[in-house]
């Protein structure tokens, strides 16, 4: 899902940033609008304060790259809200071939790591969501039970637009809708989820070493992941 990223660098044109009673953001008393001209209004006071802090923290030039929360809020309003059904369907499709379902049977060390890191995720989905997903060691796609997909879809439908905007990014960064769901429910720490998402990659690094460029890309993804997790938590309230 592309972000509402039509923000461009420009000179700072305001002095005072404030949060209105309806949790909108105002610059010198004028309400901020999204790229689609909707009023930028947040679901919780904590998230409104965080978005306001991004605007207040800008220097002489507004740097959109430093305003991830604002971009996610724009995405929630301009992209998620009018198109929720399609986005929820994409999440369900993603969940149908989730990272944590596909396990190695060899080498034994990797198979054990998959079990240690991923079995608790599948178990949580079964108990917390009543979603009986199944795992496989086959490379061939394994269809998941419709009852599991429906139960997971219900959990996604319960997210507000702002949570879902961040959720989608977390899902794509981790390769797992289930890890993202646990994060959205506060059932897993970001650190644990990031480790679970990178079992295979970390195993390969142990065997062959780490490339500098790959390490830099991973660090950038991790920073975005952590910010999205925080946004999701603030949007949840």
Protein backbone atom coordinates (compact mmCIF):
# COMPACT_ATOMS: atom_id res chain seq x y z
CA UNK A 1 0.00 0.00 0.00
CA UNK A 2 1.62 3.23 -1.11
CA UNK A 3 1.71 6.01 1.43
CA UNK A 4 0.12 9.42 1.04
CA UNK A 5 3.54 10.90 0.46
CA UNK A 6 2.79 14.00 -1.58
CA UNK A 7 4.51 16.10 1.10
CA UNK A 8 7.53 17.88 -0.34
CA UNK A 9 10.41 19.77 1.23
CA UNK A 10 9.70 23.48 1.70
CA UNK A 11 10.70 26.33 3.96
CA UNK A 12 9.05 26.37 7.36
CA UNK A 13 6.16 28.85 7.15
CA UNK A 14 4.74 28.66 10.70
CA UNK A 15 5.78 29.42 14.26
CA UNK A 16 3.27 27.78 16.60
CA UNK A 17 2.04 24.17 16.45
CA UNK A 18 -1.01 23.25 18.51
CA UNK A 19 -3.46 20.39 19.02
CA UNK A 20 -7.13 21.35 18.78
CA UNK A 21 -9.89 20.04 21.02
CA UNK A 22 -10.98 17.63 18.26
CA UNK A 23 -7.39 16.27 18.01
CA UNK A 24 -6.52 18.08 14.82
CA UNK A 25 -3.15 19.77 14.29
CA UNK A 26 -2.96 23.52 13.68
CA UNK A 27 -0.07 25.64 12.40
CA UNK A 28 -0.44 29.22 13.63
CA UNK A 29 -4.11 28.43 14.22
CA UNK A 30 -4.79 26.96 10.77
CA UNK A 31 -5.75 23.28 10.57
CA UNK A 32 -3.39 20.94 8.71
CA UNK A 33 -4.98 19.02 5.86
CA UNK A 34 -3.92 15.82 4.16
CA UNK A 35 -2.77 15.74 0.52
CA UNK A 36 -6.40 14.91 -0.40
CA UNK A 37 -7.55 18.03 1.48
CA UNK A 38 -9.15 16.22 4.40
CA UNK A 39 -8.62 17.62 7.89
CA UNK A 40 -5.74 15.82 9.63
CA UNK A 41 -7.53 14.59 12.74
CA UNK A 42 -6.05 11.89 14.99
CA UNK A 43 -7.84 9.17 16.99
CA UNK A 44 -6.03 9.68 20.32
CA UNK A 45 -4.48 12.59 22.20
CA UNK A 46 -1.18 10.72 22.45
CA UNK A 47 -0.92 10.30 18.69
CA UNK A 48 -1.99 13.90 18.09
CA UNK A 49 0.79 15.07 20.41
CA UNK A 50 3.32 12.90 18.57
CA UNK A 51 2.31 14.25 15.16
CA UNK A 52 2.38 17.81 16.50
CA UNK A 53 5.88 17.17 17.83
CA UNK A 54 7.05 16.24 14.32
CA UNK A 55 5.87 19.60 13.00
CA UNK A 56 7.25 21.52 15.97
CA UNK A 57 10.61 19.82 15.56
CA UNK A 58 11.21 21.00 12.00
CA UNK A 59 13.98 23.50 11.35
CA UNK A 60 14.08 26.21 8.71
CA UNK A 61 13.16 23.62 6.07
CA UNK A 62 10.40 21.05 6.48
CA UNK A 63 11.87 17.58 5.91
CA UNK A 64 9.10 15.10 5.00
CA UNK A 65 11.49 12.17 5.50
CA UNK A 66 11.59 12.99 9.22
CA UNK A 67 7.78 12.98 9.54
CA UNK A 68 6.79 9.31 9.39
CA UNK A 69 3.88 9.75 11.80
CA UNK A 70 2.40 12.52 9.64
CA UNK A 71 2.77 10.38 6.52
CA UNK A 72 1.11 7.41 8.21
CA UNK A 73 -1.74 9.63 9.41
CA UNK A 74 -2.18 10.95 5.87
CA UNK A 75 -2.22 7.39 4.58
CA UNK A 76 -4.83 6.37 7.16
CA UNK A 77 -7.17 9.16 6.12
CA UNK A 78 -6.55 9.34 2.36
CA UNK A 79 -5.80 5.72 1.48
CA UNK A 80 -7.07 3.36 4.17
CA UNK A 81 -10.38 4.95 5.12
CA UNK A 82 -11.88 5.02 1.60
CA UNK A 83 -10.51 1.60 0.61
CA UNK A 84 -10.63 -0.55 3.74
CA UNK A 85 -12.31 -3.56 2.17
CA UNK A 86 -9.55 -3.99 -0.40
CA UNK A 87 -6.78 -3.47 2.15
CA UNK A 88 -8.30 -5.94 4.61
CA UNK A 89 -8.59 -8.46 1.77
CA UNK A 90 -4.89 -7.99 1.00
CA UNK A 91 -4.02 -8.64 4.63
CA UNK A 92 -6.10 -11.84 4.60
CA UNK A 93 -4.34 -13.00 1.44
CA UNK A 94 -0.98 -12.25 3.06
CA UNK A 95 -1.99 -14.19 6.16
CA UNK A 96 -2.81 -17.18 4.00
CA UNK A 97 0.88 -17.66 3.20
CA UNK A 98 2.40 -16.22 6.35
CA UNK A 99 6.12 -16.49 7.03
CA UNK A 100 5.61 -18.43 10.27
CA UNK A 101 3.77 -21.31 8.57
CA UNK A 102 6.66 -22.42 6.36
CA UNK A 103 9.35 -24.29 8.26
CA UNK A 104 12.68 -25.90 7.49
CA UNK A 105 13.15 -29.58 8.26
CA UNK A 106 16.91 -29.31 7.74
CA UNK A 107 19.35 -28.23 8.98
CA UNK A 108 18.16 -29.21 12.44
CA UNK A 109 19.48 -26.01 14.02
CA UNK A 110 17.30 -23.86 11.76
CA UNK A 111 14.29 -26.14 12.22
CA UNK A 112 14.63 -25.77 15.98
CA UNK A 113 14.84 -22.00 15.72
CA UNK A 114 11.69 -21.92 13.60
CA UNK A 115 9.89 -23.93 16.26
CA UNK A 116 11.14 -21.81 19.15
CA UNK A 117 10.34 -18.47 17.49
CA UNK A 118 7.24 -19.31 15.47
CA UNK A 119 5.30 -21.97 17.38
CA UNK A 120 4.25 -19.41 20.03
CA UNK A 121 2.89 -17.16 17.26
CA UNK A 122 0.74 -19.92 15.77
CA UNK A 123 -0.34 -21.01 19.26
CA UNK A 124 -1.33 -17.43 20.11
CA UNK A 125 -3.46 -17.15 16.98
CA UNK A 126 -5.22 -20.37 17.92
CA UNK A 127 -5.98 -19.34 21.50
CA UNK A 128 -6.42 -15.56 21.24
CA UNK A 129 -8.15 -15.36 17.86
CA UNK A 130 -9.63 -18.86 17.59
CA UNK A 131 -7.68 -19.12 14.33
CA UNK A 132 -6.37 -22.70 13.83
CA UNK A 133 -3.59 -22.10 11.31
CA UNK A 134 -1.41 -25.04 10.25
CA UNK A 135 2.32 -25.23 9.54
CA UNK A 136 4.27 -27.17 6.92
CA UNK A 137 7.81 -28.07 5.89
CA UNK A 138 6.78 -28.21 2.24
CA UNK A 139 7.90 -25.57 -0.25
CA UNK A 140 4.49 -25.83 -1.92
CA UNK A 141 1.77 -23.41 -0.83
CA UNK A 142 -0.52 -24.93 1.80
CA UNK A 143 -4.07 -23.60 1.93
CA UNK A 144 -5.08 -22.47 5.40
CA UNK A 145 -8.43 -23.35 7.00
CA UNK A 146 -11.16 -20.89 6.09
CA UNK A 147 -12.13 -20.69 9.75
CA UNK A 148 -8.63 -19.46 10.62
CA UNK A 149 -8.64 -16.85 7.87
CA UNK A 150 -12.09 -15.61 8.90
CA UNK A 151 -11.06 -15.33 12.54
CA UNK A 152 -7.92 -13.43 11.63
CA UNK A 153 -9.89 -11.15 9.28
CA UNK A 154 -12.21 -10.27 12.16
CA UNK A 155 -9.22 -9.17 14.23
CA UNK A 156 -8.03 -6.93 11.39
CA UNK A 157 -11.50 -5.45 10.93
CA UNK A 158 -11.38 -4.35 14.59
CA UNK A 159 -8.36 -2.10 13.97
CA UNK A 160 -9.01 1.58 13.40
CA UNK A 161 -7.81 3.22 10.17
CA UNK A 162 -4.64 4.55 11.79
CA UNK A 163 -3.71 1.23 13.35
CA UNK A 164 -4.28 -0.48 10.00
CA UNK A 165 -2.05 1.99 8.14
CA UNK A 166 0.87 1.18 10.44
CA UNK A 167 -0.08 -2.50 10.61
CA UNK A 168 0.26 -2.86 6.84
CA UNK A 169 3.78 -1.47 6.88
CA UNK A 170 4.76 -3.68 9.81
CA UNK A 171 3.34 -6.68 7.98
CA UNK A 172 5.38 -6.03 4.85
CA UNK A 173 8.55 -5.27 6.81
CA UNK A 174 8.31 -8.52 8.79
CA UNK A 175 6.75 -10.72 6.11
CA UNK A 176 4.13 -11.79 8.63
CA UNK A 177 0.54 -10.74 9.19
CA UNK A 178 0.48 -12.80 12.38
CA UNK A 179 3.47 -11.05 13.91
CA UNK A 180 1.88 -7.72 13.00
CA UNK A 181 -1.38 -8.83 14.62
CA UNK A 182 0.36 -9.77 17.85
CA UNK A 183 2.02 -6.35 17.87
CA UNK A 184 -1.30 -4.63 17.21
CA UNK A 185 -2.82 -6.49 20.16
CA UNK A 186 0.12 -5.69 22.42
CA UNK A 187 0.83 -9.43 22.72
CA UNK A 188 4.47 -9.23 21.63
CA UNK A 189 7.26 -6.70 21.99
CA UNK A 190 8.73 -5.09 18.87
CA UNK A 191 12.11 -6.60 19.73
CA UNK A 192 10.69 -10.13 19.88
CA UNK A 193 8.73 -9.66 16.66
CA UNK A 194 11.76 -8.34 14.79
CA UNK A 195 13.84 -11.30 15.94
CA UNK A 196 11.10 -13.74 14.91
CA UNK A 197 10.87 -12.12 11.48
CA UNK A 198 14.59 -12.55 10.85
CA UNK A 199 15.26 -16.13 11.92
CA UNK A 200 16.23 -17.19 8.40
CA UNK A 201 18.27 -14.07 7.67
CA UNK A 202 20.15 -14.27 10.96
CA UNK A 203 20.91 -17.94 10.35
CA UNK A 204 22.37 -17.11 6.93
CA UNK A 205 24.47 -14.31 8.43
CA UNK A 206 25.89 -16.77 10.96
CA UNK A 207 26.87 -19.10 8.13
CA UNK A 208 28.20 -16.65 5.56
CA UNK A 209 28.68 -13.28 7.22
CA UNK A 210 26.88 -9.98 6.69
CA UNK A 211 27.17 -7.60 3.75
CA UNK A 212 27.60 -3.91 4.67
CA UNK A 213 24.93 -2.69 2.26
CA UNK A 214 22.50 -5.34 3.45
CA UNK A 215 23.22 -4.36 7.04
CA UNK A 216 22.48 -0.71 6.26
CA UNK A 217 19.20 -1.63 4.55
CA UNK A 218 18.18 -3.76 7.52
CA UNK A 219 18.97 -0.93 9.94
CA UNK A 220 16.77 1.44 7.92
CA UNK A 221 13.92 -1.08 7.84
CA UNK A 222 14.29 -1.63 11.58
CA UNK A 223 14.01 2.09 12.29
CA UNK A 224 10.84 2.29 10.20
CA UNK A 225 9.48 -0.83 11.89
CA UNK A 226 10.03 0.57 15.39
CA UNK A 227 8.37 3.86 14.44
CA UNK A 228 5.37 2.03 12.98
CA UNK A 229 5.04 -0.08 16.13
CA UNK A 230 5.00 3.07 18.24
CA UNK A 231 2.46 4.72 15.93
CA UNK A 232 0.23 1.64 16.16
CA UNK A 233 0.40 1.68 19.96
CA UNK A 234 -0.39 5.40 20.16
CA UNK A 235 -3.27 5.00 17.71
CA UNK A 236 -4.69 2.20 19.84
CA UNK A 237 -4.71 4.41 22.91
